[in-house]
Amino acid sequence: MTLPRCRLVAIAVCAVCALATLFASPASAGKRRARRPSRPSSSSPLTVPVEVAVGPIALVPSTPLLLDQPVHAGLRIELAAVVDQQLIRANAGRVPSWARGLAGSVSEVKVRPSWLGLLPEQLVISPQVLHTGLYGAVWRPFGVSVNLVDQPALRVTAGAAVNAVALLVHSTTMGVPAGAQPGTQALTLVLRPGLSGSLAAEWIVTKEWRLSAGWASDLFVPQALGRPPWEITPVDNALFHLGGPYAMVHVRFPYTVSP
């Protein structure tokens, strides 16, 4: 998926400018005050909207797990700072004049600090209902999204990301060695890199509360059930997809960053 050039530049400018304010030196702040005394100083506290979103997801795996237990339970978690036009206008002195024009082409940008890449965006918590249980997490350290629809009450977004998947599959039917006694539990540790894709609709209820629903899929290097994670196996006998429909509640609250 490719973003329009102006949108990509605007997102990069907003993110860089927002993060740069956190590390601006007092000396440079004094120079800006001397030139533009009426604008906020970079040494003053900065209040940034922070969005937390959480909600369930129904995970549909690839075959052969799909034929054994077609749906598994999961939980999506998102956390990001929001850089919008209101924040840019209120802190115009911290954004270069050449960047303000580019930033005007987007309504808002969600910025995730690099350390948030260490936290999983999706948890898999699916007990053994039929024959197979699934537990684990999905990390998405790098990603990009674009607004397909951007209206005051509705936003439709498509996204793509690089992912890392860690799963523990335990089953009485999948990956069990030939000749094992009935009821034998087979364990498979899935450790795979891959790519994620998503499509979501977000309804803006109030400034602080939003609702969203969509579909998110994680594709990763195939791994056969019952085999170790360092083996590469054919797609027709391996787990390589986990994803499905989800719904989330979004809450925004102000967070003040001290210089």
C-alpha atoms as a PDB file:
ATOM      1  CA  MET A   1       0.000   0.000   0.000  1.00  0.00           C
ATOM      2  CA  THR A   2       1.413   3.400  -1.003  1.00  0.00           C
ATOM      3  CA  LEU A   3       0.517   6.739   0.559  1.00  0.00           C
ATOM      4  CA  PRO A   4       0.171   9.873  -1.602  1.00  0.00           C
ATOM      5  CA  ARG A   5       3.421  11.803  -1.513  1.00  0.00           C
ATOM      6  CA  CYS A   6       1.964  14.933   0.107  1.00  0.00           C
ATOM      7  CA  ARG A   7       0.226  12.875   2.793  1.00  0.00           C
ATOM      8  CA  LEU A   8       3.394  10.909   3.549  1.00  0.00           C
ATOM      9  CA  VAL A   9       5.457  14.086   3.829  1.00  0.00           C
ATOM     10  CA  ALA A  10       2.847  15.710   6.070  1.00  0.00           C
ATOM     11  CA  ILE A  11       2.774  12.711   8.404  1.00  0.00           C
ATOM     12  CA  ALA A  12       6.554  12.658   8.674  1.00  0.00           C
ATOM     13  CA  VAL A  13       6.713  16.412   9.327  1.00  0.00           C
ATOM     14  CA  CYS A  14       4.033  16.281  12.030  1.00  0.00           C
ATOM     15  CA  ALA A  15       5.672  13.336  13.780  1.00  0.00           C
ATOM     16  CA  VAL A  16       9.155  14.836  13.695  1.00  0.00           C
ATOM     17  CA  CYS A  17       7.978  18.251  14.879  1.00  0.00           C
ATOM     18  CA  ALA A  18       5.917  16.746  17.708  1.00  0.00           C
ATOM     19  CA  LEU A  19       8.775  14.611  18.975  1.00  0.00           C
ATOM     20  CA  ALA A  20      11.394  17.308  18.492  1.00  0.00           C
ATOM     21  CA  THR A  21       9.634  19.583  20.970  1.00  0.00           C
ATOM     22  CA  LEU A  22      10.326  17.062  23.714  1.00  0.00           C
ATOM     23  CA  PHE A  23      14.088  17.410  23.292  1.00  0.00           C
ATOM     24  CA  ALA A  24      14.480  21.105  22.434  1.00  0.00           C
ATOM     25  CA  SER A  25      17.299  22.783  24.366  1.00  0.00           C
ATOM     26  CA  PRO A  26      16.678  25.806  26.639  1.00  0.00           C
ATOM     27  CA  ALA A  27      19.158  27.852  24.574  1.00  0.00           C
ATOM     28  CA  SER A  28      17.268  27.335  21.337  1.00  0.00           C
ATOM     29  CA  ALA A  29      14.019  28.070  23.176  1.00  0.00           C
ATOM     30  CA  GLY A  30      15.412  31.431  24.275  1.00  0.00           C
ATOM     31  CA  LYS A  31      16.303  32.321  20.699  1.00  0.00           C
ATOM     32  CA  ARG A  32      12.769  31.555  19.553  1.00  0.00           C
ATOM     33  CA  ARG A  33      11.343  33.710  22.335  1.00  0.00           C
ATOM     34  CA  ALA A  34      13.530  36.596  21.219  1.00  0.00           C
ATOM     35  CA  ARG A  35      12.281  36.356  17.641  1.00  0.00           C
ATOM     36  CA  ARG A  36       8.631  35.538  18.380  1.00  0.00           C
ATOM     37  CA  PRO A  37       7.834  36.554  21.957  1.00  0.00           C
ATOM     38  CA  SER A  38       4.074  36.046  21.497  1.00  0.00           C
ATOM     39  CA  ARG A  39       4.360  32.346  20.634  1.00  0.00           C
ATOM     40  CA  PRO A  40       4.738  29.476  23.140  1.00  0.00           C
ATOM     41  CA  SER A  41       8.253  28.598  24.224  1.00  0.00           C
ATOM     42  CA  SER A  42       9.571  25.102  23.674  1.00  0.00           C
ATOM     43  CA  SER A  43      10.587  25.109  27.346  1.00  0.00           C
ATOM     44  CA  SER A  44       6.950  25.402  28.466  1.00  0.00           C
ATOM     45  CA  PRO A  45       4.876  22.252  29.139  1.00  0.00           C
ATOM     46  CA  LEU A  46       3.217  20.668  26.118  1.00  0.00           C
ATOM     47  CA  THR A  47      -0.211  19.043  26.426  1.00  0.00           C
ATOM     48  CA  VAL A  48      -0.771  16.273  23.867  1.00  0.00           C
ATOM     49  CA  PRO A  49      -3.955  14.205  23.387  1.00  0.00           C
ATOM     50  CA  VAL A  50      -3.281  10.518  24.044  1.00  0.00           C
ATOM     51  CA  GLU A  51      -5.611   7.856  22.657  1.00  0.00           C
ATOM     52  CA  VAL A  52      -6.126   4.441  24.249  1.00  0.00           C
ATOM     53  CA  ALA A  53      -8.267   1.883  22.423  1.00  0.00           C
ATOM     54  CA  VAL A  54      -9.224  -1.648  23.415  1.00  0.00           C
ATOM     55  CA  GLY A  55     -11.688  -4.247  22.166  1.00  0.00           C
ATOM     56  CA  PRO A  56     -12.290  -7.902  21.256  1.00  0.00           C
ATOM     57  CA  ILE A  57     -11.362  -9.578  17.992  1.00  0.00           C
ATOM     58  CA  ALA A  58     -12.600 -12.893  16.539  1.00  0.00           C
ATOM     59  CA  LEU A  59      -9.534 -14.624  15.079  1.00  0.00           C
ATOM     60  CA  VAL A  60      -9.946 -16.943  12.100  1.00  0.00           C
ATOM     61  CA  PRO A  61      -6.837 -19.111  11.506  1.00  0.00           C
ATOM     62  CA  SER A  62      -5.624 -20.708   8.309  1.00  0.00           C
ATOM     63  CA  THR A  63      -6.018 -24.423   7.646  1.00  0.00           C
ATOM     64  CA  PRO A  64      -5.504 -26.977   9.091  1.00  0.00           C
ATOM     65  CA  LEU A  65      -6.385 -25.161  12.341  1.00  0.00           C
ATOM     66  CA  LEU A  66      -9.451 -23.621  10.680  1.00  0.00           C
ATOM     67  CA  LEU A  67     -11.012 -27.060  10.171  1.00  0.00           C
ATOM     68  CA  ASP A  68     -10.362 -28.049  13.784  1.00  0.00           C
ATOM     69  CA  GLN A  69     -11.543 -24.871  15.581  1.00  0.00           C
ATOM     70  CA  PRO A  70     -12.610 -22.067  13.221  1.00  0.00           C
ATOM     71  CA  VAL A  71     -12.699 -19.092  15.635  1.00  0.00           C
ATOM     72  CA  HIS A  72     -10.393 -18.039  18.468  1.00  0.00           C
ATOM     73  CA  ALA A  73     -10.649 -15.118  20.885  1.00  0.00           C
ATOM     74  CA  GLY A  74      -8.298 -12.160  21.069  1.00  0.00           C
ATOM     75  CA  LEU A  75      -7.933  -8.632  22.411  1.00  0.00           C
ATOM     76  CA  ARG A  76      -6.659  -5.587  20.480  1.00  0.00           C
ATOM     77  CA  ILE A  77      -4.867  -2.753  22.297  1.00  0.00           C
ATOM     78  CA  GLU A  78      -3.744   0.546  20.764  1.00  0.00           C
ATOM     79  CA  LEU A  79      -1.917   3.482  22.348  1.00  0.00           C
ATOM     80  CA  ALA A  80      -0.735   6.617  20.525  1.00  0.00           C
ATOM     81  CA  ALA A  81      -0.265  10.364  20.840  1.00  0.00           C
ATOM     82  CA  VAL A  82      -2.490  12.448  18.558  1.00  0.00           C
ATOM     83  CA  VAL A  83      -1.067  15.398  16.628  1.00  0.00           C
ATOM     84  CA  ASP A  84      -4.014  17.359  15.188  1.00  0.00           C
ATOM     85  CA  GLN A  85      -4.571  20.794  13.700  1.00  0.00           C
ATOM     86  CA  GLN A  86      -5.571  22.236  17.081  1.00  0.00           C
ATOM     87  CA  LEU A  87      -2.256  21.143  18.592  1.00  0.00           C
ATOM     88  CA  ILE A  88      -0.323  22.565  15.636  1.00  0.00           C
ATOM     89  CA  ARG A  89      -2.093  25.933  15.862  1.00  0.00           C
ATOM     90  CA  ALA A  90      -1.639  26.166  19.630  1.00  0.00           C
ATOM     91  CA  ASN A  91       2.096  25.479  19.283  1.00  0.00           C
ATOM     92  CA  ALA A  92       2.810  27.308  16.040  1.00  0.00           C
ATOM     93  CA  GLY A  93       6.106  28.621  17.416  1.00  0.00           C
ATOM     94  CA  ARG A  94       7.449  25.080  17.660  1.00  0.00           C
ATOM     95  CA  VAL A  95       6.607  24.150  14.067  1.00  0.00           C
ATOM     96  CA  PRO A  96       8.711  25.683  11.232  1.00  0.00           C
ATOM     97  CA  SER A  97       6.745  27.874   8.822  1.00  0.00           C
ATOM     98  CA  TRP A  98       7.546  25.611   5.864  1.00  0.00           C
ATOM     99  CA  ALA A  99       6.173  22.620   7.795  1.00  0.00           C
ATOM    100  CA  ARG A 100       2.898  24.256   8.840  1.00  0.00           C
ATOM    101  CA  GLY A 101       1.711  24.406   5.229  1.00  0.00           C
ATOM    102  CA  LEU A 102       2.417  20.724   4.653  1.00  0.00           C
ATOM    103  CA  ALA A 103       0.793  19.737   7.953  1.00  0.00           C
ATOM    104  CA  GLY A 104      -2.419  21.435   6.843  1.00  0.00           C
ATOM    105  CA  SER A 105      -3.106  18.616   4.374  1.00  0.00           C
ATOM    106  CA  VAL A 106      -4.020  16.150   7.163  1.00  0.00           C
ATOM    107  CA  SER A 107      -6.571  16.450   9.975  1.00  0.00           C
ATOM    108  CA  GLU A 108      -4.512  14.467  12.484  1.00  0.00           C
ATOM    109  CA  VAL A 109      -1.602  12.062  12.828  1.00  0.00           C
ATOM    110  CA  LYS A 110      -1.179   9.306  15.427  1.00  0.00           C
ATOM    111  CA  VAL A 111       2.404   9.081  16.662  1.00  0.00           C
ATOM    112  CA  ARG A 112       3.771   6.055  18.545  1.00  0.00           C
ATOM    113  CA  PRO A 113       7.118   6.434  20.348  1.00  0.00           C
ATOM    114  CA  SER A 114       9.618   3.747  19.375  1.00  0.00           C
ATOM    115  CA  TRP A 115       9.488   2.075  22.793  1.00  0.00           C
ATOM    116  CA  LEU A 116       5.796   1.274  22.274  1.00  0.00           C
ATOM    117  CA  GLY A 117       6.914  -1.196  19.615  1.00  0.00           C
ATOM    118  CA  LEU A 118       7.983  -3.445  22.503  1.00  0.00           C
ATOM    119  CA  LEU A 119       4.373  -3.764  23.658  1.00  0.00           C
ATOM    120  CA  PRO A 120       2.024  -6.172  21.823  1.00  0.00           C
ATOM    121  CA  GLU A 121      -0.919  -4.678  19.950  1.00  0.00           C
ATOM    122  CA  GLN A 122      -2.886  -7.908  20.052  1.00  0.00           C
ATOM    123  CA  LEU A 123      -3.274 -10.651  22.645  1.00  0.00           C
ATOM    124  CA  VAL A 124      -4.549 -14.131  21.795  1.00  0.00           C
ATOM    125  CA  ILE A 125      -6.438 -15.706  24.700  1.00  0.00           C
ATOM    126  CA  SER A 126      -8.413 -18.667  23.388  1.00  0.00           C
ATOM    127  CA  PRO A 127      -8.953 -21.683  25.691  1.00  0.00           C
ATOM    128  CA  GLN A 128      -9.440 -25.179  24.320  1.00  0.00           C
ATOM    129  CA  VAL A 129     -13.163 -25.203  23.521  1.00  0.00           C
ATOM    130  CA  LEU A 130     -13.208 -28.043  20.979  1.00  0.00           C
ATOM    131  CA  HIS A 131      -9.794 -29.616  20.456  1.00  0.00           C
ATOM    132  CA  THR A 132      -7.329 -26.733  20.239  1.00  0.00           C
ATOM    133  CA  GLY A 133      -6.297 -23.810  22.445  1.00  0.00           C
ATOM    134  CA  LEU A 134      -4.302 -20.802  21.346  1.00  0.00           C
ATOM    135  CA  TYR A 135      -2.352 -18.273  23.425  1.00  0.00           C
ATOM    136  CA  GLY A 136       0.122 -15.596  22.439  1.00  0.00           C
ATOM    137  CA  ALA A 137       0.659 -12.063  21.164  1.00  0.00           C
ATOM    138  CA  VAL A 138       1.265 -10.035  18.008  1.00  0.00           C
ATOM    139  CA  TRP A 139       3.674  -7.099  17.832  1.00  0.00           C
ATOM    140  CA  ARG A 140       3.496  -4.453  15.095  1.00  0.00           C
ATOM    141  CA  PRO A 141       6.571  -2.236  15.602  1.00  0.00           C
ATOM    142  CA  PHE A 142       6.433  -0.448  12.220  1.00  0.00           C
ATOM    143  CA  GLY A 143       3.342   0.591  10.299  1.00  0.00           C
ATOM    144  CA  VAL A 144       1.588   3.230   8.214  1.00  0.00           C
ATOM    145  CA  SER A 145      -2.063   4.128   7.609  1.00  0.00           C
ATOM    146  CA  VAL A 146      -4.051   6.370   5.288  1.00  0.00           C
ATOM    147  CA  ASN A 147      -7.530   7.866   5.660  1.00  0.00           C
ATOM    148  CA  LEU A 148      -9.831   6.778   2.837  1.00  0.00           C
ATOM    149  CA  VAL A 149     -12.725   8.800   4.277  1.00  0.00           C
ATOM    150  CA  ASP A 150     -12.152  11.748   6.621  1.00  0.00           C
ATOM    151  CA  GLN A 151     -15.424  13.347   7.726  1.00  0.00           C
ATOM    152  CA  PRO A 152     -16.345  15.108  10.993  1.00  0.00           C
ATOM    153  CA  ALA A 153     -18.311  12.067  12.237  1.00  0.00           C
ATOM    154  CA  LEU A 154     -16.718   9.195  10.324  1.00  0.00           C
ATOM    155  CA  ARG A 155     -13.215   8.144   9.374  1.00  0.00           C
ATOM    156  CA  VAL A 156     -12.312   5.080   7.284  1.00  0.00           C
ATOM    157  CA  THR A 157      -8.676   4.002   7.499  1.00  0.00           C
ATOM    158  CA  ALA A 158      -6.536   1.392   5.749  1.00  0.00           C
ATOM    159  CA  GLY A 159      -3.267   0.308   7.348  1.00  0.00           C
ATOM    160  CA  ALA A 160      -0.272  -1.962   6.864  1.00  0.00           C
ATOM    161  CA  ALA A 161       2.520  -2.964   9.240  1.00  0.00           C
ATOM    162  CA  VAL A 162       5.427  -5.306   9.853  1.00  0.00           C
ATOM    163  CA  ASN A 163       4.579  -7.842  12.549  1.00  0.00           C
ATOM    164  CA  ALA A 164       6.110 -10.463  14.827  1.00  0.00           C
ATOM    165  CA  VAL A 165       3.925 -13.359  15.997  1.00  0.00           C
ATOM    166  CA  ALA A 166       4.455 -15.561  19.075  1.00  0.00           C
ATOM    167  CA  LEU A 167       1.866 -18.280  19.695  1.00  0.00           C
ATOM    168  CA  LEU A 168       1.539 -21.428  21.788  1.00  0.00           C
ATOM    169  CA  VAL A 169      -0.841 -23.941  20.234  1.00  0.00           C
ATOM    170  CA  HIS A 170      -1.979 -26.939  22.287  1.00  0.00           C
ATOM    171  CA  SER A 171      -4.223 -29.503  20.656  1.00  0.00           C
ATOM    172  CA  THR A 172      -5.437 -33.080  20.920  1.00  0.00           C
ATOM    173  CA  THR A 173      -5.844 -33.344  17.136  1.00  0.00           C
ATOM    174  CA  MET A 174      -3.380 -30.908  15.493  1.00  0.00           C
ATOM    175  CA  GLY A 175       0.305 -31.838  15.441  1.00  0.00           C
ATOM    176  CA  VAL A 176      -0.122 -35.028  17.461  1.00  0.00           C
ATOM    177  CA  PRO A 177       2.554 -37.620  16.584  1.00  0.00           C
ATOM    178  CA  ALA A 178       1.398 -40.666  14.658  1.00  0.00           C
ATOM    179  CA  GLY A 179       0.573 -43.575  16.964  1.00  0.00           C
ATOM    180  CA  ALA A 180       0.014 -41.401  20.042  1.00  0.00           C
ATOM    181  CA  GLN A 181      -2.753 -42.384  22.440  1.00  0.00           C
ATOM    182  CA  PRO A 182      -6.126 -40.598  22.088  1.00  0.00           C
ATOM    183  CA  GLY A 183      -6.246 -37.405  24.131  1.00  0.00           C
ATOM    184  CA  THR A 184      -2.515 -36.738  23.867  1.00  0.00           C
ATOM    185  CA  GLN A 185      -1.766 -33.008  23.940  1.00  0.00           C
ATOM    186  CA  ALA A 186       0.605 -31.702  21.280  1.00  0.00           C
ATOM    187  CA  LEU A 187       2.342 -28.344  21.832  1.00  0.00           C
ATOM    188  CA  THR A 188       3.554 -26.089  19.010  1.00  0.00           C
ATOM    189  CA  LEU A 189       5.541 -22.892  19.561  1.00  0.00           C
ATOM    190  CA  VAL A 190       4.978 -20.485  16.661  1.00  0.00           C
ATOM    191  CA  LEU A 191       7.588 -17.719  16.290  1.00  0.00           C
ATOM    192  CA  ARG A 192       7.257 -15.938  12.964  1.00  0.00           C
ATOM    193  CA  PRO A 193       7.739 -12.531  11.276  1.00  0.00           C
ATOM    194  CA  GLY A 194       5.209 -11.283   8.758  1.00  0.00           C
ATOM    195  CA  LEU A 195       2.969  -8.478   7.538  1.00  0.00           C
ATOM    196  CA  SER A 196      -0.329  -7.061   8.804  1.00  0.00           C
ATOM    197  CA  GLY A 197      -3.203  -5.385   7.001  1.00  0.00           C
ATOM    198  CA  SER A 198      -6.334  -3.683   8.327  1.00  0.00           C
ATOM    199  CA  LEU A 199      -9.426  -1.770   7.267  1.00  0.00           C
ATOM    200  CA  ALA A 200     -11.431   0.109   9.901  1.00  0.00           C
ATOM    201  CA  ALA A 201     -14.341   2.522  10.233  1.00  0.00           C
ATOM    202  CA  GLU A 202     -14.215   4.926  13.183  1.00  0.00           C
ATOM    203  CA  TRP A 203     -17.274   6.794  14.455  1.00  0.00           C
ATOM    204  CA  ILE A 204     -16.491  10.011  16.327  1.00  0.00           C
ATOM    205  CA  VAL A 205     -19.047  10.154  19.157  1.00  0.00           C
ATOM    206  CA  THR A 206     -17.461  13.044  21.087  1.00  0.00           C
ATOM    207  CA  LYS A 207     -14.055  14.664  21.203  1.00  0.00           C
ATOM    208  CA  GLU A 208     -12.980  12.179  23.865  1.00  0.00           C
ATOM    209  CA  TRP A 209     -14.931   9.036  22.862  1.00  0.00           C
ATOM    210  CA  ARG A 210     -14.909   7.082  19.599  1.00  0.00           C
ATOM    211  CA  LEU A 211     -16.050   3.662  18.392  1.00  0.00           C
ATOM    212  CA  SER A 212     -14.478   1.594  15.644  1.00  0.00           C
ATOM    213  CA  ALA A 213     -15.022  -1.690  13.845  1.00  0.00           C
ATOM    214  CA  GLY A 214     -13.063  -3.399  11.131  1.00  0.00           C
ATOM    215  CA  TRP A 215     -10.979  -6.322   9.967  1.00  0.00           C
ATOM    216  CA  ALA A 216      -7.330  -6.995  10.777  1.00  0.00           C
ATOM    217  CA  SER A 217      -5.197  -9.830   9.403  1.00  0.00           C
ATOM    218  CA  ASP A 218      -1.702 -11.021  10.246  1.00  0.00           C
ATOM    219  CA  LEU A 219       0.129 -13.067   7.623  1.00  0.00           C
ATOM    220  CA  PHE A 220       3.397 -14.716   8.631  1.00  0.00           C
ATOM    221  CA  VAL A 221       5.930 -17.310   7.515  1.00  0.00           C
ATOM    222  CA  PRO A 222       4.131 -20.710   7.510  1.00  0.00           C
ATOM    223  CA  GLN A 223       4.767 -23.136  10.370  1.00  0.00           C
ATOM    224  CA  ALA A 224       3.464 -26.685  10.598  1.00  0.00           C
ATOM    225  CA  LEU A 225       1.682 -27.664  13.815  1.00  0.00           C
ATOM    226  CA  GLY A 226       3.715 -30.100  15.864  1.00  0.00           C
ATOM    227  CA  ARG A 227       7.024 -28.910  14.348  1.00  0.00           C
ATOM    228  CA  PRO A 228       9.695 -26.563  15.795  1.00  0.00           C
ATOM    229  CA  PRO A 229       9.735 -22.857  14.836  1.00  0.00           C
ATOM    230  CA  TRP A 230      12.988 -23.041  12.844  1.00  0.00           C
ATOM    231  CA  GLU A 231      11.426 -25.261  10.176  1.00  0.00           C
ATOM    232  CA  ILE A 232       9.906 -23.816   6.975  1.00  0.00           C
ATOM    233  CA  THR A 233       6.956 -25.864   5.726  1.00  0.00           C
ATOM    234  CA  PRO A 234       4.531 -25.840   2.772  1.00  0.00           C
ATOM    235  CA  VAL A 235       1.555 -23.490   3.122  1.00  0.00           C
ATOM    236  CA  ASP A 236      -0.984 -26.301   2.751  1.00  0.00           C
ATOM    237  CA  ASN A 237       0.130 -27.929   6.028  1.00  0.00           C
ATOM    238  CA  ALA A 238       0.890 -24.905   8.159  1.00  0.00           C
ATOM    239  CA  LEU A 239      -0.445 -22.016  10.178  1.00  0.00           C
ATOM    240  CA  PHE A 240       0.219 -18.758   8.304  1.00  0.00           C
ATOM    241  CA  HIS A 241      -2.776 -16.468   8.951  1.00  0.00           C
ATOM    242  CA  LEU A 242      -4.614 -15.170  11.992  1.00  0.00           C
ATOM    243  CA  GLY A 243      -7.177 -12.397  11.740  1.00  0.00           C
ATOM    244  CA  GLY A 244     -10.790 -11.385  11.672  1.00  0.00           C
ATOM    245  CA  PRO A 245     -13.424  -8.790  12.621  1.00  0.00           C
ATOM    246  CA  TYR A 246     -13.009  -6.593  15.680  1.00  0.00           C
ATOM    247  CA  ALA A 247     -14.651  -3.733  17.584  1.00  0.00           C
ATOM    248  CA  MET A 248     -12.945  -1.167  19.813  1.00  0.00           C
ATOM    249  CA  VAL A 249     -13.705   1.688  22.196  1.00  0.00           C
ATOM    250  CA  HIS A 250     -11.348   4.690  21.933  1.00  0.00           C
ATOM    251  CA  VAL A 251     -10.760   7.149  24.769  1.00  0.00           C
ATOM    252  CA  ARG A 252      -8.699  10.346  24.457  1.00  0.00           C
ATOM    253  CA  PHE A 253      -7.288  12.272  27.394  1.00  0.00           C
ATOM    254  CA  PRO A 254      -4.779  15.136  27.711  1.00  0.00           C
ATOM    255  CA  TYR A 255      -1.226  14.333  28.768  1.00  0.00           C
ATOM    256  CA  THR A 256       1.166  17.111  29.737  1.00  0.00           C
ATOM    257  CA  VAL A 257       4.821  16.643  28.845  1.00  0.00           C
ATOM    258  CA  SER A 258       7.284  18.687  30.936  1.00  0.00           C
ATOM    259  CA  PRO A 259      10.425  20.011  29.209  1.00  0.00           C
END
